[in-house]
């Protein structure tokens, strides 16, 4: 019985932590079947995860609120995956800009708490 309870608790923890990250859907000006990078936000740890599909690239990450106030403006070197800590970001709606070598991507996300 204790083992069953332990297994259920582990599965619940994995399920809750799995929902902590949310994918930010990116749009580009160019016509790509899929953007060359995926971005996930984790509200609990307040960080972005950047997953680059191929190679290594310098990536500029800009986050603004809908009033145009800059929240984050960082250039990072991404080698497949990179974690980018966010400054003290508050509840609200934000715009994410990702600049790769010749690609500009844009996405929207909300911080709920």
C-alpha atoms as a PDB file:
ATOM      1  CA  UNK A   1       0.000   0.000   0.000  1.00  0.00           C
ATOM      2  CA  UNK A   2       2.831   2.382   0.856  1.00  0.00           C
ATOM      3  CA  UNK A   3       4.509   1.657  -2.476  1.00  0.00           C
ATOM      4  CA  UNK A   4       1.317   2.396  -4.363  1.00  0.00           C
ATOM      5  CA  UNK A   5       0.927   5.672  -2.482  1.00  0.00           C
ATOM      6  CA  UNK A   6       4.556   6.565  -3.246  1.00  0.00           C
ATOM      7  CA  UNK A   7       4.096   5.804  -6.962  1.00  0.00           C
ATOM      8  CA  UNK A   8       0.952   7.932  -7.096  1.00  0.00           C
ATOM      9  CA  UNK A   9       2.729  10.840  -5.360  1.00  0.00           C
ATOM     10  CA  UNK A  10       5.681  10.652  -7.774  1.00  0.00           C
ATOM     11  CA  UNK A  11       3.342  10.631 -10.767  1.00  0.00           C
ATOM     12  CA  UNK A  12       1.428  13.612  -9.408  1.00  0.00           C
ATOM     13  CA  UNK A  13       4.652  15.561  -8.887  1.00  0.00           C
ATOM     14  CA  UNK A  14       5.785  14.744 -12.417  1.00  0.00           C
ATOM     15  CA  UNK A  15       2.409  15.811 -13.793  1.00  0.00           C
ATOM     16  CA  UNK A  16       2.407  19.124 -11.922  1.00  0.00           C
ATOM     17  CA  UNK A  17       5.984  19.944 -12.899  1.00  0.00           C
ATOM     18  CA  UNK A  18       5.245  18.955 -16.496  1.00  0.00           C
ATOM     19  CA  UNK A  19       2.594  21.656 -16.690  1.00  0.00           C
ATOM     20  CA  UNK A  20       4.881  24.324 -15.256  1.00  0.00           C
ATOM     21  CA  UNK A  21       6.443  24.907 -18.683  1.00  0.00           C
ATOM     22  CA  UNK A  22       4.301  26.337 -21.440  1.00  0.00           C
ATOM     23  CA  UNK A  23       5.274  26.611 -25.072  1.00  0.00           C
ATOM     24  CA  UNK A  24       5.290  30.074 -26.607  1.00  0.00           C
ATOM     25  CA  UNK A  25       4.110  29.841 -30.199  1.00  0.00           C
ATOM     26  CA  UNK A  26       6.305  31.872 -32.533  1.00  0.00           C
ATOM     27  CA  UNK A  27       5.374  33.619 -35.772  1.00  0.00           C
ATOM     28  CA  UNK A  28       7.870  34.834 -38.343  1.00  0.00           C
ATOM     29  CA  UNK A  29       7.885  37.262 -41.237  1.00  0.00           C
ATOM     30  CA  UNK A  30       9.413  34.605 -43.516  1.00  0.00           C
ATOM     31  CA  UNK A  31       7.632  31.460 -44.572  1.00  0.00           C
ATOM     32  CA  UNK A  32       9.014  28.625 -42.500  1.00  0.00           C
ATOM     33  CA  UNK A  33       7.181  25.343 -42.042  1.00  0.00           C
ATOM     34  CA  UNK A  34       8.510  25.370 -38.465  1.00  0.00           C
ATOM     35  CA  UNK A  35      10.565  28.034 -36.729  1.00  0.00           C
ATOM     36  CA  UNK A  36      14.212  26.969 -36.172  1.00  0.00           C
ATOM     37  CA  UNK A  37      13.767  27.427 -32.406  1.00  0.00           C
ATOM     38  CA  UNK A  38      11.169  26.566 -29.776  1.00  0.00           C
ATOM     39  CA  UNK A  39      10.644  28.624 -26.626  1.00  0.00           C
ATOM     40  CA  UNK A  40       9.058  27.527 -23.353  1.00  0.00           C
ATOM     41  CA  UNK A  41       8.314  29.640 -20.289  1.00  0.00           C
ATOM     42  CA  UNK A  42       8.345  28.339 -16.748  1.00  0.00           C
ATOM     43  CA  UNK A  43       6.453  30.712 -14.463  1.00  0.00           C
ATOM     44  CA  UNK A  44       7.578  28.954 -11.290  1.00  0.00           C
ATOM     45  CA  UNK A  45      11.308  29.243 -11.918  1.00  0.00           C
ATOM     46  CA  UNK A  46      10.851  32.424 -13.991  1.00  0.00           C
ATOM     47  CA  UNK A  47      13.009  31.342 -16.898  1.00  0.00           C
ATOM     48  CA  UNK A  48      12.798  30.785 -20.620  1.00  0.00           C
ATOM     49  CA  UNK A  49      14.010  27.594 -22.252  1.00  0.00           C
ATOM     50  CA  UNK A  50      15.321  28.073 -25.782  1.00  0.00           C
ATOM     51  CA  UNK A  51      15.549  24.906 -27.891  1.00  0.00           C
ATOM     52  CA  UNK A  52      17.496  25.421 -31.113  1.00  0.00           C
ATOM     53  CA  UNK A  53      16.861  22.756 -33.740  1.00  0.00           C
ATOM     54  CA  UNK A  54      20.324  22.754 -35.350  1.00  0.00           C
ATOM     55  CA  UNK A  55      23.792  23.982 -34.508  1.00  0.00           C
ATOM     56  CA  UNK A  56      24.903  26.899 -32.393  1.00  0.00           C
ATOM     57  CA  UNK A  57      23.754  30.467 -32.818  1.00  0.00           C
ATOM     58  CA  UNK A  58      23.761  33.811 -31.115  1.00  0.00           C
ATOM     59  CA  UNK A  59      20.174  34.645 -30.266  1.00  0.00           C
ATOM     60  CA  UNK A  60      18.846  38.029 -29.145  1.00  0.00           C
ATOM     61  CA  UNK A  61      15.839  37.746 -26.835  1.00  0.00           C
ATOM     62  CA  UNK A  62      13.699  40.827 -26.277  1.00  0.00           C
ATOM     63  CA  UNK A  63      10.613  40.889 -24.049  1.00  0.00           C
ATOM     64  CA  UNK A  64       8.330  43.912 -23.842  1.00  0.00           C
ATOM     65  CA  UNK A  65       4.971  44.559 -22.265  1.00  0.00           C
ATOM     66  CA  UNK A  66       2.108  45.788 -24.458  1.00  0.00           C
ATOM     67  CA  UNK A  67       2.989  49.394 -23.610  1.00  0.00           C
ATOM     68  CA  UNK A  68       6.423  48.897 -25.195  1.00  0.00           C
ATOM     69  CA  UNK A  69       8.406  48.886 -21.937  1.00  0.00           C
ATOM     70  CA  UNK A  70      11.466  46.654 -22.221  1.00  0.00           C
ATOM     71  CA  UNK A  71      11.496  43.808 -19.692  1.00  0.00           C
ATOM     72  CA  UNK A  72      14.444  41.822 -21.082  1.00  0.00           C
ATOM     73  CA  UNK A  73      17.033  42.455 -23.805  1.00  0.00           C
ATOM     74  CA  UNK A  74      19.681  39.722 -23.795  1.00  0.00           C
ATOM     75  CA  UNK A  75      21.986  38.134 -26.332  1.00  0.00           C
ATOM     76  CA  UNK A  76      22.804  34.511 -25.581  1.00  0.00           C
ATOM     77  CA  UNK A  77      24.780  31.771 -27.302  1.00  0.00           C
ATOM     78  CA  UNK A  78      22.478  28.784 -27.793  1.00  0.00           C
ATOM     79  CA  UNK A  79      23.984  25.340 -28.256  1.00  0.00           C
ATOM     80  CA  UNK A  80      20.825  23.239 -28.735  1.00  0.00           C
ATOM     81  CA  UNK A  81      19.257  24.253 -25.357  1.00  0.00           C
ATOM     82  CA  UNK A  82      19.679  27.336 -23.195  1.00  0.00           C
ATOM     83  CA  UNK A  83      17.987  28.539 -20.005  1.00  0.00           C
ATOM     84  CA  UNK A  84      17.503  32.279 -19.710  1.00  0.00           C
ATOM     85  CA  UNK A  85      16.519  33.592 -16.260  1.00  0.00           C
ATOM     86  CA  UNK A  86      13.951  36.373 -16.417  1.00  0.00           C
ATOM     87  CA  UNK A  87      14.067  39.471 -14.261  1.00  0.00           C
ATOM     88  CA  UNK A  88      11.312  39.936 -11.740  1.00  0.00           C
ATOM     89  CA  UNK A  89       8.470  39.607 -14.215  1.00  0.00           C
ATOM     90  CA  UNK A  90       4.991  40.387 -12.952  1.00  0.00           C
ATOM     91  CA  UNK A  91       1.499  39.242 -13.802  1.00  0.00           C
ATOM     92  CA  UNK A  92       0.500  40.481 -17.260  1.00  0.00           C
ATOM     93  CA  UNK A  93       0.739  40.048 -21.033  1.00  0.00           C
ATOM     94  CA  UNK A  94       4.063  40.204 -22.864  1.00  0.00           C
ATOM     95  CA  UNK A  95       5.547  40.129 -26.355  1.00  0.00           C
ATOM     96  CA  UNK A  96       8.602  37.975 -27.039  1.00  0.00           C
ATOM     97  CA  UNK A  97      10.947  38.765 -29.931  1.00  0.00           C
ATOM     98  CA  UNK A  98      13.609  36.259 -31.004  1.00  0.00           C
ATOM     99  CA  UNK A  99      16.289  37.434 -33.432  1.00  0.00           C
ATOM    100  CA  UNK A 100      18.425  34.769 -35.105  1.00  0.00           C
ATOM    101  CA  UNK A 101      20.946  35.478 -37.890  1.00  0.00           C
ATOM    102  CA  UNK A 102      18.380  36.281 -40.575  1.00  0.00           C
ATOM    103  CA  UNK A 103      15.107  35.408 -38.859  1.00  0.00           C
ATOM    104  CA  UNK A 104      12.868  37.510 -36.623  1.00  0.00           C
ATOM    105  CA  UNK A 105      10.260  35.629 -34.620  1.00  0.00           C
ATOM    106  CA  UNK A 106       7.507  36.973 -32.419  1.00  0.00           C
ATOM    107  CA  UNK A 107       5.317  35.363 -29.790  1.00  0.00           C
ATOM    108  CA  UNK A 108       2.919  36.355 -27.056  1.00  0.00           C
ATOM    109  CA  UNK A 109       2.627  34.998 -23.538  1.00  0.00           C
ATOM    110  CA  UNK A 110       0.870  35.716 -20.265  1.00  0.00           C
ATOM    111  CA  UNK A 111       2.125  35.518 -16.719  1.00  0.00           C
ATOM    112  CA  UNK A 112      -0.836  34.458 -14.615  1.00  0.00           C
ATOM    113  CA  UNK A 113       0.634  34.881 -11.132  1.00  0.00           C
END
